[in-house]
Amino acid sequence: MTPKLRTPVPDITADAERIESIVRREAPALLAYFERRSTPHDAADLLGEALLIAWRRVSAVPADEQEARMWLFGVARRVLMTSRRSGVRRQALTDRLREDALTRPPATEPQSDRLREALASLDPLDAEIIRLLHWDGFGLGEIAQHLGRPAGTIRSRYSRARAVLRAVLEAE
């Protein structure tokens, strides 16, 4: 009978204690690293991201204290670079959206004061259903999903809101 080969089971407790020790020792220096390169608010978020990566990749952290420190700072550098790239992309998107908002015609609203007043007289949810259907182009099923309500409820509220609008507009 041949002996069964066993795959070594990682010692999770030892890994957790080791990474906890490294984090306690290096977290203040990592936070200072991030603070010198970003805002204080962003520094805390960046530190959290770097520590999360360290916990997830605990098996990759070198055993030697100095190498572990260098490894952590390498992670911190990559987190910072990723954050900066994301910030550049986010700013470019914001600029494009701002430009688009400034160059496109304004959203269409009811031209009639009577219709605006009639909409204002409706229950806010009913008025939102009317707007989503007629101005934003959603179907009743999509509106139900968007508002987190049953489709039957949205259909009946739409029917009632439409009847109220018709009655208000015909009364004037």
N, C-alpha and C. Protein backbone atom coordinates (compact mmCIF):
# COMPACT_ATOMS: atom_id res chain seq x y z
N MET A 1 0.84 -1.17 0.00
CA MET A 1 0.00 0.00 0.00
C MET A 1 0.90 1.24 0.00
N THR A 2 0.60 2.16 -0.95
CA THR A 2 1.41 3.37 -1.05
C THR A 2 0.83 4.47 -0.17
N PRO A 3 1.71 5.22 0.45
CA PRO A 3 1.19 6.30 1.31
C PRO A 3 0.56 7.40 0.46
N LYS A 4 -0.48 7.99 0.96
CA LYS A 4 -1.16 9.10 0.27
C LYS A 4 -0.34 10.37 0.48
N LEU A 5 -0.19 11.11 -0.60
CA LEU A 5 0.49 12.39 -0.50
C LEU A 5 -0.51 13.44 -0.05
N ARG A 6 -0.13 14.17 0.92
CA ARG A 6 -1.02 15.21 1.43
C ARG A 6 -0.50 16.57 0.99
N THR A 7 -1.44 17.40 0.61
CA THR A 7 -1.05 18.77 0.30
C THR A 7 -0.98 19.53 1.62
N PRO A 8 0.04 20.33 1.79
CA PRO A 8 0.15 21.04 3.06
C PRO A 8 -1.00 22.03 3.23
N VAL A 9 -1.55 22.05 4.42
CA VAL A 9 -2.63 22.98 4.75
C VAL A 9 -1.98 24.24 5.31
N PRO A 10 -2.32 25.41 4.73
CA PRO A 10 -1.70 26.63 5.25
C PRO A 10 -2.12 26.89 6.69
N ASP A 11 -1.21 27.39 7.46
CA ASP A 11 -1.49 27.73 8.84
C ASP A 11 -2.09 29.14 8.87
N ILE A 12 -3.39 29.21 8.86
CA ILE A 12 -4.10 30.48 8.76
C ILE A 12 -3.83 31.35 9.99
N THR A 13 -3.77 30.73 11.14
CA THR A 13 -3.54 31.49 12.36
C THR A 13 -2.17 32.16 12.33
N ALA A 14 -1.16 31.42 11.92
CA ALA A 14 0.19 31.99 11.86
C ALA A 14 0.25 33.12 10.84
N ASP A 15 -0.40 32.92 9.66
CA ASP A 15 -0.43 33.98 8.64
C ASP A 15 -1.13 35.22 9.17
N ALA A 16 -2.24 35.01 9.86
CA ALA A 16 -2.99 36.15 10.39
C ALA A 16 -2.16 36.90 11.43
N GLU A 17 -1.48 36.18 12.30
CA GLU A 17 -0.66 36.83 13.32
C GLU A 17 0.51 37.58 12.67
N ARG A 18 1.10 36.97 11.66
CA ARG A 18 2.25 37.60 10.99
C ARG A 18 1.83 38.88 10.28
N ILE A 19 0.73 38.83 9.51
CA ILE A 19 0.30 40.02 8.78
C ILE A 19 -0.19 41.10 9.74
N GLU A 20 -0.82 40.67 10.83
CA GLU A 20 -1.27 41.64 11.83
C GLU A 20 -0.08 42.37 12.45
N SER A 21 0.98 41.65 12.72
CA SER A 21 2.19 42.25 13.27
C SER A 21 2.81 43.24 12.28
N ILE A 22 2.88 42.84 11.04
CA ILE A 22 3.45 43.71 10.01
C ILE A 22 2.60 44.97 9.83
N VAL A 23 1.29 44.79 9.81
CA VAL A 23 0.39 45.92 9.62
C VAL A 23 0.51 46.90 10.80
N ARG A 24 0.53 46.39 12.02
CA ARG A 24 0.67 47.27 13.18
C ARG A 24 1.96 48.08 13.11
N ARG A 25 3.00 47.42 12.66
CA ARG A 25 4.31 48.07 12.60
C ARG A 25 4.38 49.09 11.46
N GLU A 26 3.80 48.77 10.30
CA GLU A 26 4.00 49.58 9.11
C GLU A 26 2.86 50.53 8.76
N ALA A 27 1.67 50.34 9.34
CA ALA A 27 0.51 51.17 8.98
C ALA A 27 0.76 52.66 9.16
N PRO A 28 1.35 53.10 10.28
CA PRO A 28 1.59 54.54 10.41
C PRO A 28 2.51 55.10 9.31
N ALA A 29 3.54 54.34 8.96
CA ALA A 29 4.45 54.80 7.90
C ALA A 29 3.75 54.80 6.55
N LEU A 30 2.90 53.80 6.31
CA LEU A 30 2.15 53.76 5.05
C LEU A 30 1.17 54.93 4.97
N LEU A 31 0.51 55.23 6.09
CA LEU A 31 -0.43 56.35 6.10
C LEU A 31 0.31 57.65 5.80
N ALA A 32 1.47 57.84 6.41
CA ALA A 32 2.27 59.04 6.14
C ALA A 32 2.68 59.09 4.67
N TYR A 33 3.04 57.94 4.11
CA TYR A 33 3.40 57.84 2.69
C TYR A 33 2.25 58.35 1.82
N PHE A 34 1.05 57.88 2.12
CA PHE A 34 -0.12 58.29 1.34
C PHE A 34 -0.47 59.76 1.58
N GLU A 35 -0.35 60.22 2.83
CA GLU A 35 -0.68 61.62 3.13
C GLU A 35 0.24 62.59 2.40
N ARG A 36 1.50 62.21 2.23
CA ARG A 36 2.43 63.08 1.52
C ARG A 36 2.14 63.12 0.02
N ARG A 37 1.37 62.19 -0.47
CA ARG A 37 1.14 62.08 -1.91
C ARG A 37 -0.33 62.29 -2.30
N SER A 38 -1.20 62.53 -1.31
CA SER A 38 -2.63 62.74 -1.60
C SER A 38 -3.24 63.57 -0.49
N THR A 39 -4.56 63.65 -0.49
CA THR A 39 -5.26 64.38 0.58
C THR A 39 -5.42 63.47 1.80
N PRO A 40 -5.62 64.04 2.99
CA PRO A 40 -5.79 63.19 4.18
C PRO A 40 -6.96 62.21 4.04
N HIS A 41 -8.06 62.66 3.47
CA HIS A 41 -9.21 61.76 3.29
C HIS A 41 -8.85 60.61 2.34
N ASP A 42 -8.23 60.96 1.24
CA ASP A 42 -7.83 59.92 0.28
C ASP A 42 -6.78 59.00 0.87
N ALA A 43 -5.90 59.54 1.70
CA ALA A 43 -4.83 58.74 2.29
C ALA A 43 -5.41 57.58 3.11
N ALA A 44 -6.44 57.86 3.87
CA ALA A 44 -7.06 56.80 4.68
C ALA A 44 -7.65 55.72 3.78
N ASP A 45 -8.32 56.13 2.71
CA ASP A 45 -8.89 55.16 1.77
C ASP A 45 -7.80 54.34 1.09
N LEU A 46 -6.73 55.02 0.69
CA LEU A 46 -5.63 54.33 0.03
C LEU A 46 -4.96 53.34 0.97
N LEU A 47 -4.79 53.73 2.23
CA LEU A 47 -4.22 52.82 3.21
C LEU A 47 -5.11 51.58 3.37
N GLY A 48 -6.40 51.81 3.46
CA GLY A 48 -7.34 50.69 3.57
C GLY A 48 -7.22 49.74 2.39
N GLU A 49 -7.11 50.29 1.21
CA GLU A 49 -6.96 49.46 0.00
C GLU A 49 -5.67 48.66 0.04
N ALA A 50 -4.57 49.30 0.43
CA ALA A 50 -3.28 48.61 0.50
C ALA A 50 -3.31 47.49 1.53
N LEU A 51 -3.91 47.75 2.68
CA LEU A 51 -3.97 46.72 3.72
C LEU A 51 -4.88 45.57 3.32
N LEU A 52 -5.94 45.89 2.61
CA LEU A 52 -6.82 44.84 2.11
C LEU A 52 -6.06 43.91 1.16
N ILE A 53 -5.26 44.49 0.30
CA ILE A 53 -4.45 43.68 -0.62
C ILE A 53 -3.47 42.82 0.17
N ALA A 54 -2.85 43.41 1.20
CA ALA A 54 -1.91 42.65 2.03
C ALA A 54 -2.60 41.46 2.69
N TRP A 55 -3.80 41.66 3.22
CA TRP A 55 -4.53 40.57 3.86
C TRP A 55 -4.92 39.50 2.84
N ARG A 56 -5.32 39.94 1.66
CA ARG A 56 -5.72 38.96 0.64
C ARG A 56 -4.53 38.17 0.10
N ARG A 57 -3.36 38.77 0.11
CA ARG A 57 -2.18 38.12 -0.46
C ARG A 57 -1.17 37.77 0.62
N VAL A 58 -1.66 37.42 1.79
CA VAL A 58 -0.79 37.17 2.93
C VAL A 58 0.29 36.14 2.60
N SER A 59 0.01 35.19 1.76
CA SER A 59 1.01 34.18 1.44
C SER A 59 2.15 34.75 0.60
N ALA A 60 1.94 35.90 -0.03
CA ALA A 60 2.98 36.52 -0.86
C ALA A 60 3.88 37.45 -0.05
N VAL A 61 3.50 37.75 1.18
CA VAL A 61 4.29 38.67 2.00
C VAL A 61 5.57 37.95 2.43
N PRO A 62 6.72 38.55 2.14
CA PRO A 62 7.99 37.91 2.52
C PRO A 62 8.10 37.71 4.03
N ALA A 63 8.84 36.70 4.43
CA ALA A 63 9.01 36.39 5.85
C ALA A 63 9.94 37.40 6.54
N ASP A 64 10.95 37.87 5.84
CA ASP A 64 11.89 38.83 6.40
C ASP A 64 11.18 40.16 6.63
N GLU A 65 11.40 40.78 7.80
CA GLU A 65 10.72 42.03 8.15
C GLU A 65 11.00 43.15 7.16
N GLN A 66 12.27 43.33 6.79
CA GLN A 66 12.63 44.40 5.86
C GLN A 66 12.04 44.14 4.48
N GLU A 67 12.07 42.89 4.02
CA GLU A 67 11.48 42.57 2.72
C GLU A 67 9.97 42.74 2.76
N ALA A 68 9.36 42.39 3.89
CA ALA A 68 7.90 42.57 4.04
C ALA A 68 7.56 44.06 3.97
N ARG A 69 8.40 44.89 4.61
CA ARG A 69 8.17 46.34 4.56
C ARG A 69 8.27 46.85 3.13
N MET A 70 9.29 46.41 2.42
CA MET A 70 9.46 46.83 1.03
C MET A 70 8.29 46.34 0.17
N TRP A 71 7.84 45.12 0.43
CA TRP A 71 6.71 44.56 -0.31
C TRP A 71 5.47 45.42 -0.09
N LEU A 72 5.21 45.77 1.18
CA LEU A 72 4.04 46.60 1.50
C LEU A 72 4.12 47.97 0.82
N PHE A 73 5.30 48.57 0.82
CA PHE A 73 5.45 49.86 0.16
C PHE A 73 5.30 49.73 -1.35
N GLY A 74 5.68 48.59 -1.90
CA GLY A 74 5.44 48.34 -3.32
C GLY A 74 3.94 48.27 -3.61
N VAL A 75 3.22 47.59 -2.73
CA VAL A 75 1.76 47.53 -2.87
C VAL A 75 1.19 48.94 -2.77
N ALA A 76 1.68 49.71 -1.80
CA ALA A 76 1.19 51.08 -1.60
C ALA A 76 1.44 51.93 -2.85
N ARG A 77 2.59 51.77 -3.46
CA ARG A 77 2.91 52.53 -4.67
C ARG A 77 1.95 52.17 -5.80
N ARG A 78 1.67 50.88 -5.96
CA ARG A 78 0.75 50.46 -7.03
C ARG A 78 -0.68 50.94 -6.74
N VAL A 79 -1.09 50.92 -5.49
CA VAL A 79 -2.42 51.42 -5.11
C VAL A 79 -2.51 52.91 -5.44
N LEU A 80 -1.47 53.66 -5.11
CA LEU A 80 -1.44 55.09 -5.39
C LEU A 80 -1.50 55.36 -6.89
N MET A 81 -0.72 54.62 -7.66
CA MET A 81 -0.70 54.81 -9.12
C MET A 81 -2.08 54.48 -9.72
N THR A 82 -2.68 53.40 -9.26
CA THR A 82 -4.00 53.03 -9.74
C THR A 82 -5.02 54.11 -9.40
N SER A 83 -4.93 54.64 -8.20
CA SER A 83 -5.83 55.71 -7.78
C SER A 83 -5.67 56.94 -8.65
N ARG A 84 -4.44 57.28 -8.94
CA ARG A 84 -4.19 58.46 -9.79
C ARG A 84 -4.73 58.25 -11.20
N ARG A 85 -4.51 57.07 -11.76
CA ARG A 85 -5.05 56.79 -13.10
C ARG A 85 -6.57 56.86 -13.08
N SER A 86 -7.17 56.31 -12.04
CA SER A 86 -8.62 56.36 -11.92
C SER A 86 -9.10 57.80 -11.80
N GLY A 87 -8.37 58.60 -11.04
CA GLY A 87 -8.73 60.01 -10.88
C GLY A 87 -8.65 60.77 -12.18
N VAL A 88 -7.63 60.48 -12.98
CA VAL A 88 -7.50 61.13 -14.29
C VAL A 88 -8.67 60.74 -15.19
N ARG A 89 -8.99 59.44 -15.19
CA ARG A 89 -10.12 58.99 -16.02
C ARG A 89 -11.43 59.59 -15.53
N ARG A 90 -11.60 59.64 -14.21
CA ARG A 90 -12.83 60.21 -13.64
C ARG A 90 -12.95 61.68 -14.00
N GLN A 91 -11.84 62.42 -13.92
CA GLN A 91 -11.87 63.84 -14.27
C GLN A 91 -12.17 64.05 -15.74
N ALA A 92 -11.59 63.21 -16.60
CA ALA A 92 -11.86 63.30 -18.04
C ALA A 92 -13.35 63.04 -18.32
N LEU A 93 -13.91 62.05 -17.64
CA LEU A 93 -15.33 61.76 -17.81
C LEU A 93 -16.18 62.93 -17.32
N THR A 94 -15.83 63.50 -16.18
CA THR A 94 -16.56 64.65 -15.65
C THR A 94 -16.51 65.82 -16.63
N ASP A 95 -15.33 66.06 -17.20
CA ASP A 95 -15.19 67.15 -18.16
C ASP A 95 -16.05 66.91 -19.40
N ARG A 96 -16.05 65.66 -19.89
CA ARG A 96 -16.88 65.34 -21.08
C ARG A 96 -18.36 65.52 -20.76
N LEU A 97 -18.79 65.05 -19.59
CA LEU A 97 -20.20 65.19 -19.21
C LEU A 97 -20.59 66.65 -19.04
N ARG A 98 -19.70 67.44 -18.44
CA ARG A 98 -19.97 68.87 -18.26
C ARG A 98 -20.11 69.54 -19.62
N GLU A 99 -19.19 69.23 -20.53
CA GLU A 99 -19.25 69.81 -21.88
C GLU A 99 -20.54 69.41 -22.59
N ASP A 100 -20.90 68.15 -22.46
CA ASP A 100 -22.13 67.67 -23.07
C ASP A 100 -23.35 68.39 -22.49
N ALA A 101 -23.35 68.56 -21.17
CA ALA A 101 -24.48 69.23 -20.52
C ALA A 101 -24.60 70.69 -20.96
N LEU A 102 -23.46 71.32 -21.23
CA LEU A 102 -23.49 72.73 -21.63
C LEU A 102 -23.86 72.92 -23.09
N THR A 103 -23.63 71.91 -23.92
CA THR A 103 -23.87 72.06 -25.36
C THR A 103 -25.19 71.49 -25.83
N ARG A 104 -25.80 70.61 -25.06
CA ARG A 104 -27.07 70.02 -25.53
C ARG A 104 -28.23 70.91 -25.11
N PRO A 105 -29.33 70.79 -25.84
CA PRO A 105 -30.50 71.60 -25.47
C PRO A 105 -31.05 71.16 -24.11
N PRO A 106 -31.69 72.06 -23.40
CA PRO A 106 -32.22 71.69 -22.09
C PRO A 106 -33.30 70.62 -22.22
N ALA A 107 -33.47 69.88 -21.14
CA ALA A 107 -34.48 68.82 -21.12
C ALA A 107 -35.86 69.44 -21.34
N THR A 108 -36.68 68.71 -22.07
CA THR A 108 -38.01 69.23 -22.36
C THR A 108 -38.90 69.08 -21.13
N GLU A 109 -39.63 70.09 -20.88
CA GLU A 109 -40.61 70.10 -19.80
C GLU A 109 -41.93 70.51 -20.40
N PRO A 110 -43.01 70.24 -19.69
CA PRO A 110 -44.30 70.67 -20.23
C PRO A 110 -44.32 72.18 -20.42
N GLN A 111 -44.72 72.60 -21.59
CA GLN A 111 -44.75 74.03 -21.90
C GLN A 111 -45.97 74.70 -21.25
N SER A 112 -46.98 73.93 -21.03
CA SER A 112 -48.22 74.48 -20.50
C SER A 112 -48.16 74.66 -18.99
N ASP A 113 -48.47 75.86 -18.53
CA ASP A 113 -48.53 76.10 -17.09
C ASP A 113 -49.63 75.25 -16.47
N ARG A 114 -50.71 75.05 -17.22
CA ARG A 114 -51.82 74.22 -16.72
C ARG A 114 -51.34 72.79 -16.46
N LEU A 115 -50.55 72.26 -17.39
CA LEU A 115 -50.07 70.89 -17.23
C LEU A 115 -49.09 70.81 -16.05
N ARG A 116 -48.23 71.79 -15.92
CA ARG A 116 -47.28 71.82 -14.79
C ARG A 116 -48.04 71.86 -13.46
N GLU A 117 -49.06 72.70 -13.39
CA GLU A 117 -49.85 72.79 -12.17
C GLU A 117 -50.61 71.49 -11.91
N ALA A 118 -51.13 70.88 -12.96
CA ALA A 118 -51.85 69.62 -12.80
C ALA A 118 -50.91 68.53 -12.30
N LEU A 119 -49.70 68.49 -12.83
CA LEU A 119 -48.71 67.52 -12.36
C LEU A 119 -48.36 67.77 -10.89
N ALA A 120 -48.23 69.03 -10.52
CA ALA A 120 -47.90 69.38 -9.14
C ALA A 120 -49.01 68.97 -8.17
N SER A 121 -50.24 68.87 -8.68
CA SER A 121 -51.36 68.49 -7.81
C SER A 121 -51.40 66.98 -7.54
N LEU A 122 -50.66 66.21 -8.33
CA LEU A 122 -50.66 64.75 -8.15
C LEU A 122 -49.80 64.35 -6.96
N ASP A 123 -50.04 63.14 -6.48
CA ASP A 123 -49.15 62.52 -5.50
C ASP A 123 -47.75 62.47 -6.13
N PRO A 124 -46.71 62.75 -5.37
CA PRO A 124 -45.35 62.77 -5.95
C PRO A 124 -44.98 61.49 -6.72
N LEU A 125 -45.38 60.34 -6.21
CA LEU A 125 -45.07 59.09 -6.90
C LEU A 125 -45.82 59.03 -8.24
N ASP A 126 -47.08 59.43 -8.25
CA ASP A 126 -47.85 59.42 -9.50
C ASP A 126 -47.26 60.38 -10.52
N ALA A 127 -46.84 61.56 -10.06
CA ALA A 127 -46.23 62.52 -10.97
C ALA A 127 -44.93 61.96 -11.53
N GLU A 128 -44.17 61.25 -10.70
CA GLU A 128 -42.91 60.65 -11.17
C GLU A 128 -43.19 59.56 -12.21
N ILE A 129 -44.23 58.79 -12.01
CA ILE A 129 -44.60 57.77 -13.00
C ILE A 129 -44.92 58.42 -14.33
N ILE A 130 -45.69 59.50 -14.31
CA ILE A 130 -46.04 60.23 -15.53
C ILE A 130 -44.76 60.74 -16.22
N ARG A 131 -43.87 61.35 -15.44
CA ARG A 131 -42.62 61.88 -16.02
C ARG A 131 -41.75 60.78 -16.60
N LEU A 132 -41.59 59.69 -15.86
CA LEU A 132 -40.75 58.60 -16.35
C LEU A 132 -41.31 58.00 -17.64
N LEU A 133 -42.63 57.89 -17.72
CA LEU A 133 -43.24 57.29 -18.91
C LEU A 133 -43.20 58.24 -20.10
N HIS A 134 -43.64 59.46 -19.90
CA HIS A 134 -43.82 60.37 -21.03
C HIS A 134 -42.58 61.20 -21.39
N TRP A 135 -41.75 61.52 -20.44
CA TRP A 135 -40.59 62.35 -20.77
C TRP A 135 -39.29 61.57 -20.82
N ASP A 136 -39.19 60.51 -20.01
CA ASP A 136 -37.95 59.76 -19.98
C ASP A 136 -37.99 58.49 -20.83
N GLY A 137 -39.17 58.15 -21.34
CA GLY A 137 -39.28 57.06 -22.29
C GLY A 137 -39.25 55.66 -21.70
N PHE A 138 -39.53 55.50 -20.43
CA PHE A 138 -39.57 54.18 -19.84
C PHE A 138 -40.95 53.56 -20.03
N GLY A 139 -40.98 52.23 -20.07
CA GLY A 139 -42.24 51.51 -20.07
C GLY A 139 -42.70 51.31 -18.64
N LEU A 140 -43.95 50.92 -18.46
CA LEU A 140 -44.48 50.75 -17.11
C LEU A 140 -43.73 49.66 -16.34
N GLY A 141 -43.35 48.58 -17.01
CA GLY A 141 -42.56 47.53 -16.35
C GLY A 141 -41.21 48.03 -15.89
N GLU A 142 -40.57 48.84 -16.73
CA GLU A 142 -39.27 49.42 -16.37
C GLU A 142 -39.42 50.40 -15.20
N ILE A 143 -40.51 51.15 -15.21
CA ILE A 143 -40.76 52.10 -14.12
C ILE A 143 -40.94 51.34 -12.81
N ALA A 144 -41.69 50.23 -12.88
CA ALA A 144 -41.89 49.40 -11.67
C ALA A 144 -40.55 48.92 -11.13
N GLN A 145 -39.69 48.47 -12.01
CA GLN A 145 -38.37 48.00 -11.59
C GLN A 145 -37.55 49.16 -11.01
N HIS A 146 -37.58 50.28 -11.69
CA HIS A 146 -36.81 51.46 -11.26
C HIS A 146 -37.26 51.94 -9.88
N LEU A 147 -38.56 51.94 -9.65
CA LEU A 147 -39.10 52.44 -8.39
C LEU A 147 -39.21 51.36 -7.31
N GLY A 148 -38.92 50.11 -7.70
CA GLY A 148 -38.98 49.02 -6.73
C GLY A 148 -40.39 48.73 -6.26
N ARG A 149 -41.34 48.84 -7.17
CA ARG A 149 -42.74 48.59 -6.85
C ARG A 149 -43.27 47.49 -7.78
N PRO A 150 -44.33 46.82 -7.37
CA PRO A 150 -44.93 45.81 -8.26
C PRO A 150 -45.48 46.46 -9.54
N ALA A 151 -45.37 45.76 -10.65
CA ALA A 151 -45.82 46.28 -11.94
C ALA A 151 -47.31 46.61 -11.91
N GLY A 152 -48.10 45.78 -11.26
CA GLY A 152 -49.54 46.04 -11.17
C GLY A 152 -49.84 47.33 -10.44
N THR A 153 -49.08 47.62 -9.41
CA THR A 153 -49.25 48.87 -8.67
C THR A 153 -48.95 50.06 -9.56
N ILE A 154 -47.88 49.97 -10.32
CA ILE A 154 -47.50 51.07 -11.20
C ILE A 154 -48.56 51.27 -12.28
N ARG A 155 -49.05 50.18 -12.86
CA ARG A 155 -50.09 50.31 -13.89
C ARG A 155 -51.33 50.98 -13.33
N SER A 156 -51.76 50.55 -12.14
CA SER A 156 -52.99 51.14 -11.59
C SER A 156 -52.76 52.60 -11.17
N ARG A 157 -51.59 52.91 -10.62
CA ARG A 157 -51.32 54.30 -10.25
C ARG A 157 -51.23 55.18 -11.48
N TYR A 158 -50.64 54.65 -12.56
CA TYR A 158 -50.57 55.42 -13.80
C TYR A 158 -51.96 55.69 -14.34
N SER A 159 -52.80 54.68 -14.33
CA SER A 159 -54.16 54.84 -14.84
C SER A 159 -54.92 55.90 -14.02
N ARG A 160 -54.79 55.82 -12.72
CA ARG A 160 -55.47 56.78 -11.85
C ARG A 160 -54.88 58.18 -12.04
N ALA A 161 -53.57 58.29 -12.13
CA ALA A 161 -52.93 59.61 -12.32
C ALA A 161 -53.36 60.22 -13.64
N ARG A 162 -53.42 59.41 -14.68
CA ARG A 162 -53.83 59.91 -15.99
C ARG A 162 -55.27 60.42 -15.93
N ALA A 163 -56.14 59.70 -15.23
CA ALA A 163 -57.54 60.13 -15.09
C ALA A 163 -57.63 61.45 -14.32
N VAL A 164 -56.83 61.59 -13.26
CA VAL A 164 -56.83 62.83 -12.48
C VAL A 164 -56.33 63.98 -13.34
N LEU A 165 -55.25 63.76 -14.09
CA LEU A 165 -54.72 64.80 -14.98
C LEU A 165 -55.79 65.23 -15.99
N ARG A 166 -56.43 64.25 -16.60
CA ARG A 166 -57.46 64.55 -17.60
C ARG A 166 -58.58 65.38 -16.97
N ALA A 167 -59.03 64.99 -15.78
CA ALA A 167 -60.12 65.70 -15.12
C ALA A 167 -59.70 67.14 -14.77
N VAL A 168 -58.49 67.30 -14.26
CA VAL A 168 -58.00 68.65 -13.91
C VAL A 168 -57.90 69.52 -15.14
N LEU A 169 -57.34 68.99 -16.21
CA LEU A 169 -57.15 69.77 -17.43
C LEU A 169 -58.47 70.08 -18.13
N GLU A 170 -59.43 69.16 -18.07
CA GLU A 170 -60.73 69.42 -18.70
C GLU A 170 -61.56 70.39 -17.89
N ALA A 171 -61.36 70.40 -16.56
CA ALA A 171 -62.11 71.29 -15.68
C ALA A 171 -61.73 72.75 -15.94
N GLU A 172 -60.51 72.96 -16.37
CA GLU A 172 -60.05 74.34 -16.60
C GLU A 172 -60.49 74.70 -17.96
